[in-house]
Amino acid sequence: MLNLDLEKRKQELLRYYQRTGYANSPTVIKAFLKVPREKFLPRELVDKAYVDSPLPIGSGQTISAPHMAFIMCEALEPALRLGAKVLEIGAGSGYHAAICAEIVAPTEKLNSGEKLGHVYSVERIHSVAEFGKKNLEAAGYSDRVTIIEGDGTLGLEEYAPYNAINVTAAGPKIPPPLIEQLDMNGGRLIIPVGAIYGFQQLILVIKNEKNIKKQSLGGVAFVPLRGEYGW
């Protein structure tokens, strides 16, 4: 059942993002409007679903502020598109994976016969992985998102290469396996890099046959990336 108050707050937040320049892509805007963020939060925080702030989800992890989904998804375009294969490192609540899934495999195209994409998300904390799976099932995205428990800094070689890779935690450097598993025909990777609890930069990597380009998209603050190539 549609919560009209939450829907009103969602629309107001979107208008704010459009005024401030966070929301520019029609595709990402459509996904944001489609995915119910309230279904990816602990029950006691549902009323804060459309507050522009990170929120705790347990085990020391957070769901990022909604504007971060816009920043990261827009940076991953055009690699993040209909039919794309996506790798996410750090499933968290499952919300960001659902946004990506709505882009690569839109709900209205599920029975169209078109080739749709898929999101593979690696989460190291069992309780968080289970939370994410439960949320994705409740929101209707478990058919388009697969959560796998493991060390995300090693990537997920089984389904490589990936058109887009999204890392939702900050590491000291870009894990080499992630660059290796990125598609060489314009594959895009986005990851926070920097101090464990200090200044971090959001880095965009674009991989082509002849070169790998990197650029900073500005300062951010993410939880630490744990694993062999993390902290």
C-alpha atoms as a PDB file:
ATOM      1  CA  MET A   1       0.000   0.000   0.000  1.00  0.00           C
ATOM      2  CA  LEU A   2       1.376   3.418  -0.987  1.00  0.00           C
ATOM      3  CA  ASN A   3       2.287   5.646   1.954  1.00  0.00           C
ATOM      4  CA  LEU A   4       1.229   9.071   0.679  1.00  0.00           C
ATOM      5  CA  ASP A   5       3.315  10.938   3.260  1.00  0.00           C
ATOM      6  CA  LEU A   6       6.498   9.073   2.281  1.00  0.00           C
ATOM      7  CA  GLU A   7       5.681   9.559  -1.405  1.00  0.00           C
ATOM      8  CA  LYS A   8       5.316  13.310  -0.832  1.00  0.00           C
ATOM      9  CA  ARG A   9       8.695  13.432   0.951  1.00  0.00           C
ATOM     10  CA  LYS A  10      10.278  11.458  -1.891  1.00  0.00           C
ATOM     11  CA  GLN A  11       8.982  13.923  -4.477  1.00  0.00           C
ATOM     12  CA  GLU A  12      10.176  16.865  -2.374  1.00  0.00           C
ATOM     13  CA  LEU A  13      13.639  15.298  -2.021  1.00  0.00           C
ATOM     14  CA  LEU A  14      13.825  14.746  -5.774  1.00  0.00           C
ATOM     15  CA  ARG A  15      12.913  18.386  -6.455  1.00  0.00           C
ATOM     16  CA  TYR A  16      15.663  19.434  -4.030  1.00  0.00           C
ATOM     17  CA  TYR A  17      18.181  17.208  -5.854  1.00  0.00           C
ATOM     18  CA  GLN A  18      17.133  18.673  -9.184  1.00  0.00           C
ATOM     19  CA  ARG A  19      17.587  22.221  -7.876  1.00  0.00           C
ATOM     20  CA  THR A  20      21.002  21.464  -6.380  1.00  0.00           C
ATOM     21  CA  GLY A  21      22.305  19.499  -9.379  1.00  0.00           C
ATOM     22  CA  TYR A  22      22.417  16.002  -7.873  1.00  0.00           C
ATOM     23  CA  ALA A  23      19.660  14.590 -10.088  1.00  0.00           C
ATOM     24  CA  ASN A  24      20.319  15.000 -13.815  1.00  0.00           C
ATOM     25  CA  SER A  25      19.857  11.626 -15.472  1.00  0.00           C
ATOM     26  CA  PRO A  26      16.274  10.720 -16.466  1.00  0.00           C
ATOM     27  CA  THR A  27      17.175   7.040 -16.109  1.00  0.00           C
ATOM     28  CA  VAL A  28      18.460   7.393 -12.547  1.00  0.00           C
ATOM     29  CA  ILE A  29      15.545   9.654 -11.605  1.00  0.00           C
ATOM     30  CA  LYS A  30      13.116   7.017 -12.881  1.00  0.00           C
ATOM     31  CA  ALA A  31      14.870   4.316 -10.829  1.00  0.00           C
ATOM     32  CA  PHE A  32      14.875   6.516  -7.717  1.00  0.00           C
ATOM     33  CA  LEU A  33      11.136   7.072  -8.048  1.00  0.00           C
ATOM     34  CA  LYS A  34      10.480   3.366  -8.604  1.00  0.00           C
ATOM     35  CA  VAL A  35      12.525   1.880  -5.732  1.00  0.00           C
ATOM     36  CA  PRO A  36      10.946   2.233  -2.247  1.00  0.00           C
ATOM     37  CA  ARG A  37      13.839   3.209   0.046  1.00  0.00           C
ATOM     38  CA  GLU A  38      11.607   2.664   3.079  1.00  0.00           C
ATOM     39  CA  LYS A  39      11.706  -1.090   2.395  1.00  0.00           C
ATOM     40  CA  PHE A  40      15.485  -1.122   2.869  1.00  0.00           C
ATOM     41  CA  LEU A  41      15.557   0.353   6.380  1.00  0.00           C
ATOM     42  CA  PRO A  42      15.119  -1.036   9.885  1.00  0.00           C
ATOM     43  CA  ARG A  43      11.455  -0.637  10.852  1.00  0.00           C
ATOM     44  CA  GLU A  44      12.155   2.105  13.393  1.00  0.00           C
ATOM     45  CA  LEU A  45      13.794   4.296  10.724  1.00  0.00           C
ATOM     46  CA  VAL A  46      11.177   4.024   7.986  1.00  0.00           C
ATOM     47  CA  ASP A  47       9.895   7.561   8.607  1.00  0.00           C
ATOM     48  CA  LYS A  48      13.404   8.854   7.795  1.00  0.00           C
ATOM     49  CA  ALA A  49      13.515   7.133   4.392  1.00  0.00           C
ATOM     50  CA  TYR A  50      13.628  10.416   2.472  1.00  0.00           C
ATOM     51  CA  VAL A  51      15.833  12.420   4.778  1.00  0.00           C
ATOM     52  CA  ASP A  52      19.064  13.236   2.944  1.00  0.00           C
ATOM     53  CA  SER A  53      21.321  11.461   5.405  1.00  0.00           C
ATOM     54  CA  PRO A  54      23.095   8.116   5.908  1.00  0.00           C
ATOM     55  CA  LEU A  55      21.267   5.835   8.349  1.00  0.00           C
ATOM     56  CA  PRO A  56      22.458   2.876  10.455  1.00  0.00           C
ATOM     57  CA  ILE A  57      21.402  -0.627   9.406  1.00  0.00           C
ATOM     58  CA  GLY A  58      23.281  -2.615  12.075  1.00  0.00           C
ATOM     59  CA  SER A  59      26.704  -4.283  12.412  1.00  0.00           C
ATOM     60  CA  GLY A  60      28.380  -0.873  12.127  1.00  0.00           C
ATOM     61  CA  GLN A  61      27.111  -0.434   8.562  1.00  0.00           C
ATOM     62  CA  THR A  62      24.989   2.308   7.015  1.00  0.00           C
ATOM     63  CA  ILE A  63      22.728   2.989   4.084  1.00  0.00           C
ATOM     64  CA  SER A  64      24.162   6.003   2.236  1.00  0.00           C
ATOM     65  CA  ALA A  65      22.236   9.240   1.834  1.00  0.00           C
ATOM     66  CA  PRO A  66      19.991   9.054  -1.258  1.00  0.00           C
ATOM     67  CA  HIS A  67      22.017  11.703  -3.099  1.00  0.00           C
ATOM     68  CA  MET A  68      24.994   9.322  -3.120  1.00  0.00           C
ATOM     69  CA  ALA A  69      22.996   6.869  -5.251  1.00  0.00           C
ATOM     70  CA  PHE A  70      22.505   9.670  -7.789  1.00  0.00           C
ATOM     71  CA  ILE A  71      26.181  10.647  -7.780  1.00  0.00           C
ATOM     72  CA  MET A  72      27.474   7.106  -8.174  1.00  0.00           C
ATOM     73  CA  CYS A  73      24.893   5.884 -10.687  1.00  0.00           C
ATOM     74  CA  GLU A  74      25.191   8.961 -12.893  1.00  0.00           C
ATOM     75  CA  ALA A  75      28.984   8.601 -12.875  1.00  0.00           C
ATOM     76  CA  LEU A  76      28.649   4.973 -14.009  1.00  0.00           C
ATOM     77  CA  GLU A  77      26.547   5.896 -17.037  1.00  0.00           C
ATOM     78  CA  PRO A  78      26.738   4.994 -19.927  1.00  0.00           C
ATOM     79  CA  ALA A  79      28.171   1.662 -18.703  1.00  0.00           C
ATOM     80  CA  LEU A  80      25.231   1.376 -16.296  1.00  0.00           C
ATOM     81  CA  ARG A  81      22.460   0.803 -18.827  1.00  0.00           C
ATOM     82  CA  LEU A  82      19.732  -1.586 -19.924  1.00  0.00           C
ATOM     83  CA  GLY A  83      21.181  -5.110 -20.146  1.00  0.00           C
ATOM     84  CA  ALA A  84      24.404  -4.326 -18.263  1.00  0.00           C
ATOM     85  CA  LYS A  85      26.108  -6.701 -15.856  1.00  0.00           C
ATOM     86  CA  VAL A  86      26.930  -4.953 -12.580  1.00  0.00           C
ATOM     87  CA  LEU A  87      29.175  -5.878  -9.660  1.00  0.00           C
ATOM     88  CA  GLU A  88      28.562  -4.199  -6.320  1.00  0.00           C
ATOM     89  CA  ILE A  89      30.990  -4.452  -3.425  1.00  0.00           C
ATOM     90  CA  GLY A  90      29.147  -4.068  -0.126  1.00  0.00           C
ATOM     91  CA  ALA A  91      25.479  -5.009  -0.384  1.00  0.00           C
ATOM     92  CA  GLY A  92      24.438  -3.226   2.783  1.00  0.00           C
ATOM     93  CA  SER A  93      20.668  -2.819   2.908  1.00  0.00           C
ATOM     94  CA  GLY A  94      20.301  -3.737  -0.768  1.00  0.00           C
ATOM     95  CA  TYR A  95      18.970  -0.295  -1.718  1.00  0.00           C
ATOM     96  CA  HIS A  96      21.781   0.760  -4.036  1.00  0.00           C
ATOM     97  CA  ALA A  97      21.690  -2.634  -5.761  1.00  0.00           C
ATOM     98  CA  ALA A  98      17.952  -2.210  -6.314  1.00  0.00           C
ATOM     99  CA  ILE A  99      18.496   1.209  -7.920  1.00  0.00           C
ATOM    100  CA  CYS A 100      21.085  -0.328 -10.268  1.00  0.00           C
ATOM    101  CA  ALA A 101      18.768  -3.265 -10.990  1.00  0.00           C
ATOM    102  CA  GLU A 102      15.940  -0.924 -11.921  1.00  0.00           C
ATOM    103  CA  ILE A 103      18.285   0.660 -14.482  1.00  0.00           C
ATOM    104  CA  VAL A 104      19.729  -2.516 -16.035  1.00  0.00           C
ATOM    105  CA  ALA A 105      16.527  -4.579 -15.779  1.00  0.00           C
ATOM    106  CA  PRO A 106      13.549  -2.195 -15.427  1.00  0.00           C
ATOM    107  CA  THR A 107      10.434  -3.609 -13.819  1.00  0.00           C
ATOM    108  CA  GLU A 108       8.242  -2.783 -16.804  1.00  0.00           C
ATOM    109  CA  LYS A 109      10.504  -4.810 -19.120  1.00  0.00           C
ATOM    110  CA  LEU A 110      10.611  -8.045 -17.102  1.00  0.00           C
ATOM    111  CA  ASN A 111       8.240  -9.827 -19.474  1.00  0.00           C
ATOM    112  CA  SER A 112       9.272  -8.051 -22.665  1.00  0.00           C
ATOM    113  CA  GLY A 113      11.638 -10.720 -23.939  1.00  0.00           C
ATOM    114  CA  GLU A 114      14.519  -8.210 -24.091  1.00  0.00           C
ATOM    115  CA  LYS A 115      17.949  -9.084 -22.780  1.00  0.00           C
ATOM    116  CA  LEU A 116      18.068  -7.668 -19.269  1.00  0.00           C
ATOM    117  CA  GLY A 117      20.981  -7.055 -16.942  1.00  0.00           C
ATOM    118  CA  HIS A 118      21.787  -8.359 -13.479  1.00  0.00           C
ATOM    119  CA  VAL A 119      23.460  -7.071 -10.316  1.00  0.00           C
ATOM    120  CA  TYR A 120      25.860  -9.265  -8.340  1.00  0.00           C
ATOM    121  CA  SER A 121      26.587  -7.904  -4.874  1.00  0.00           C
ATOM    122  CA  VAL A 122      29.331  -9.202  -2.569  1.00  0.00           C
ATOM    123  CA  GLU A 123      28.858  -8.691   1.189  1.00  0.00           C
ATOM    124  CA  ARG A 124      31.296  -9.922   3.841  1.00  0.00           C
ATOM    125  CA  ILE A 125      29.023  -9.666   6.937  1.00  0.00           C
ATOM    126  CA  HIS A 126      26.500 -12.502   7.178  1.00  0.00           C
ATOM    127  CA  SER A 127      23.835 -10.583   9.111  1.00  0.00           C
ATOM    128  CA  VAL A 128      24.028  -7.671   6.660  1.00  0.00           C
ATOM    129  CA  ALA A 129      23.834 -10.018   3.661  1.00  0.00           C
ATOM    130  CA  GLU A 130      20.695 -11.614   5.127  1.00  0.00           C
ATOM    131  CA  PHE A 131      19.183  -8.174   5.790  1.00  0.00           C
ATOM    132  CA  GLY A 132      19.847  -7.145   2.201  1.00  0.00           C
ATOM    133  CA  LYS A 133      18.365 -10.361   0.801  1.00  0.00           C
ATOM    134  CA  LYS A 134      15.215  -9.934   2.886  1.00  0.00           C
ATOM    135  CA  ASN A 135      14.787  -6.333   1.734  1.00  0.00           C
ATOM    136  CA  LEU A 136      15.316  -7.161  -1.930  1.00  0.00           C
ATOM    137  CA  GLU A 137      12.748  -9.941  -1.711  1.00  0.00           C
ATOM    138  CA  ALA A 138      10.209  -7.626  -0.064  1.00  0.00           C
ATOM    139  CA  ALA A 139      10.795  -4.899  -2.653  1.00  0.00           C
ATOM    140  CA  GLY A 140      10.613  -7.278  -5.617  1.00  0.00           C
ATOM    141  CA  TYR A 141      14.251  -7.254  -6.766  1.00  0.00           C
ATOM    142  CA  SER A 142      15.558 -10.659  -5.709  1.00  0.00           C
ATOM    143  CA  ASP A 143      15.206 -11.879  -9.301  1.00  0.00           C
ATOM    144  CA  ARG A 144      17.565  -9.164 -10.541  1.00  0.00           C
ATOM    145  CA  VAL A 145      20.046  -8.941  -7.650  1.00  0.00           C
ATOM    146  CA  THR A 146      22.164 -11.805  -6.300  1.00  0.00           C
ATOM    147  CA  ILE A 147      23.915 -11.276  -2.948  1.00  0.00           C
ATOM    148  CA  ILE A 148      26.972 -13.440  -2.343  1.00  0.00           C
ATOM    149  CA  GLU A 149      28.909 -13.588   0.929  1.00  0.00           C
ATOM    150  CA  GLY A 150      32.644 -13.106   0.575  1.00  0.00           C
ATOM    151  CA  ASP A 151      35.614 -10.748   0.323  1.00  0.00           C
ATOM    152  CA  GLY A 152      34.484  -8.045  -2.086  1.00  0.00           C
ATOM    153  CA  THR A 153      38.009  -6.734  -2.594  1.00  0.00           C
ATOM    154  CA  LEU A 154      38.633  -9.890  -4.631  1.00  0.00           C
ATOM    155  CA  GLY A 155      35.673  -9.114  -6.873  1.00  0.00           C
ATOM    156  CA  LEU A 156      33.617 -11.981  -8.271  1.00  0.00           C
ATOM    157  CA  GLU A 157      35.543 -13.601 -11.094  1.00  0.00           C
ATOM    158  CA  GLU A 158      32.816 -16.144 -11.844  1.00  0.00           C
ATOM    159  CA  TYR A 159      30.652 -13.632 -13.716  1.00  0.00           C
ATOM    160  CA  ALA A 160      33.322 -11.222 -15.008  1.00  0.00           C
ATOM    161  CA  PRO A 161      33.729  -9.038 -16.963  1.00  0.00           C
ATOM    162  CA  TYR A 162      31.363  -6.378 -15.619  1.00  0.00           C
ATOM    163  CA  ASN A 163      30.119  -3.317 -17.443  1.00  0.00           C
ATOM    164  CA  ALA A 164      29.951  -1.389 -14.177  1.00  0.00           C
ATOM    165  CA  ILE A 165      31.421  -1.912 -10.707  1.00  0.00           C
ATOM    166  CA  ASN A 166      30.184   0.018  -7.707  1.00  0.00           C
ATOM    167  CA  VAL A 167      32.084  -0.038  -4.393  1.00  0.00           C
ATOM    168  CA  THR A 168      30.162   1.191  -1.350  1.00  0.00           C
ATOM    169  CA  ALA A 169      33.030   1.307   1.164  1.00  0.00           C
ATOM    170  CA  ALA A 170      36.354   3.163   1.211  1.00  0.00           C
ATOM    171  CA  GLY A 171      39.681   1.415   0.733  1.00  0.00           C
ATOM    172  CA  PRO A 172      43.315   2.549   0.865  1.00  0.00           C
ATOM    173  CA  LYS A 173      43.616   1.883  -2.883  1.00  0.00           C
ATOM    174  CA  ILE A 174      41.648   0.439  -5.783  1.00  0.00           C
ATOM    175  CA  PRO A 175      41.719  -3.379  -5.486  1.00  0.00           C
ATOM    176  CA  PRO A 176      43.542  -4.759  -8.570  1.00  0.00           C
ATOM    177  CA  PRO A 177      41.029  -7.621  -9.068  1.00  0.00           C
ATOM    178  CA  LEU A 178      38.247  -5.096  -9.601  1.00  0.00           C
ATOM    179  CA  ILE A 179      40.110  -3.372 -12.408  1.00  0.00           C
ATOM    180  CA  GLU A 180      40.944  -6.774 -13.930  1.00  0.00           C
ATOM    181  CA  GLN A 181      37.285  -7.829 -13.858  1.00  0.00           C
ATOM    182  CA  LEU A 182      36.042  -4.598 -15.451  1.00  0.00           C
ATOM    183  CA  ASP A 183      34.981  -4.766 -19.089  1.00  0.00           C
ATOM    184  CA  MET A 184      37.665  -3.293 -21.355  1.00  0.00           C
ATOM    185  CA  ASN A 185      35.179  -1.666 -23.707  1.00  0.00           C
ATOM    186  CA  GLY A 186      34.266   1.366 -21.652  1.00  0.00           C
ATOM    187  CA  GLY A 187      33.675  -0.399 -18.349  1.00  0.00           C
ATOM    188  CA  ARG A 188      33.282   1.955 -15.396  1.00  0.00           C
ATOM    189  CA  LEU A 189      34.191   1.513 -11.747  1.00  0.00           C
ATOM    190  CA  ILE A 190      33.473   3.922  -8.900  1.00  0.00           C
ATOM    191  CA  ILE A 191      35.081   3.641  -5.475  1.00  0.00           C
ATOM    192  CA  PRO A 192      35.879   5.831  -2.443  1.00  0.00           C
ATOM    193  CA  VAL A 193      39.637   5.834  -1.753  1.00  0.00           C
ATOM    194  CA  GLY A 194      41.482   7.393   1.159  1.00  0.00           C
ATOM    195  CA  ALA A 195      42.045   7.307   4.915  1.00  0.00           C
ATOM    196  CA  ILE A 196      40.121   4.792   6.977  1.00  0.00           C
ATOM    197  CA  TYR A 197      38.260   7.458   8.968  1.00  0.00           C
ATOM    198  CA  GLY A 198      39.596  10.594   7.293  1.00  0.00           C
ATOM    199  CA  PHE A 199      39.575  12.298   3.917  1.00  0.00           C
ATOM    200  CA  GLN A 200      38.433  10.119   1.029  1.00  0.00           C
ATOM    201  CA  GLN A 201      37.973  10.813  -2.672  1.00  0.00           C
ATOM    202  CA  LEU A 202      35.352   9.271  -4.900  1.00  0.00           C
ATOM    203  CA  ILE A 203      37.325   7.869  -7.831  1.00  0.00           C
ATOM    204  CA  LEU A 204      35.858   7.030 -11.231  1.00  0.00           C
ATOM    205  CA  VAL A 205      37.783   4.527 -13.373  1.00  0.00           C
ATOM    206  CA  ILE A 206      37.071   4.120 -17.094  1.00  0.00           C
ATOM    207  CA  LYS A 207      38.704   1.120 -18.781  1.00  0.00           C
ATOM    208  CA  ASN A 208      39.339   0.793 -22.511  1.00  0.00           C
ATOM    209  CA  GLU A 209      41.560  -1.497 -24.563  1.00  0.00           C
ATOM    210  CA  LYS A 210      44.296   1.114 -24.802  1.00  0.00           C
ATOM    211  CA  ASN A 211      44.180   2.778 -21.396  1.00  0.00           C
ATOM    212  CA  ILE A 212      42.673   3.132 -17.946  1.00  0.00           C
ATOM    213  CA  LYS A 213      41.595   6.624 -16.941  1.00  0.00           C
ATOM    214  CA  LYS A 214      40.979   7.782 -13.377  1.00  0.00           C
ATOM    215  CA  GLN A 215      39.406  10.960 -12.069  1.00  0.00           C
ATOM    216  CA  SER A 216      38.303  12.280  -8.693  1.00  0.00           C
ATOM    217  CA  LEU A 217      34.678  13.313  -8.261  1.00  0.00           C
ATOM    218  CA  GLY A 218      35.267  15.004  -4.908  1.00  0.00           C
ATOM    219  CA  GLY A 219      35.455  14.294  -1.193  1.00  0.00           C
ATOM    220  CA  VAL A 220      33.240  11.706   0.524  1.00  0.00           C
ATOM    221  CA  ALA A 221      32.941   9.777   3.814  1.00  0.00           C
ATOM    222  CA  PHE A 222      32.285   6.020   3.680  1.00  0.00           C
ATOM    223  CA  VAL A 223      32.681   3.103   6.076  1.00  0.00           C
ATOM    224  CA  PRO A 224      35.956   1.134   5.689  1.00  0.00           C
ATOM    225  CA  LEU A 225      36.371  -1.456   2.941  1.00  0.00           C
ATOM    226  CA  ARG A 226      37.486  -4.677   4.639  1.00  0.00           C
ATOM    227  CA  GLY A 227      39.286  -7.546   2.950  1.00  0.00           C
ATOM    228  CA  GLU A 228      42.578  -8.596   1.356  1.00  0.00           C
ATOM    229  CA  TYR A 229      42.908  -5.327  -0.590  1.00  0.00           C
ATOM    230  CA  GLY A 230      41.099  -3.192   1.982  1.00  0.00           C
ATOM    231  CA  TRP A 231      41.714  -2.289   5.593  1.00  0.00           C
END
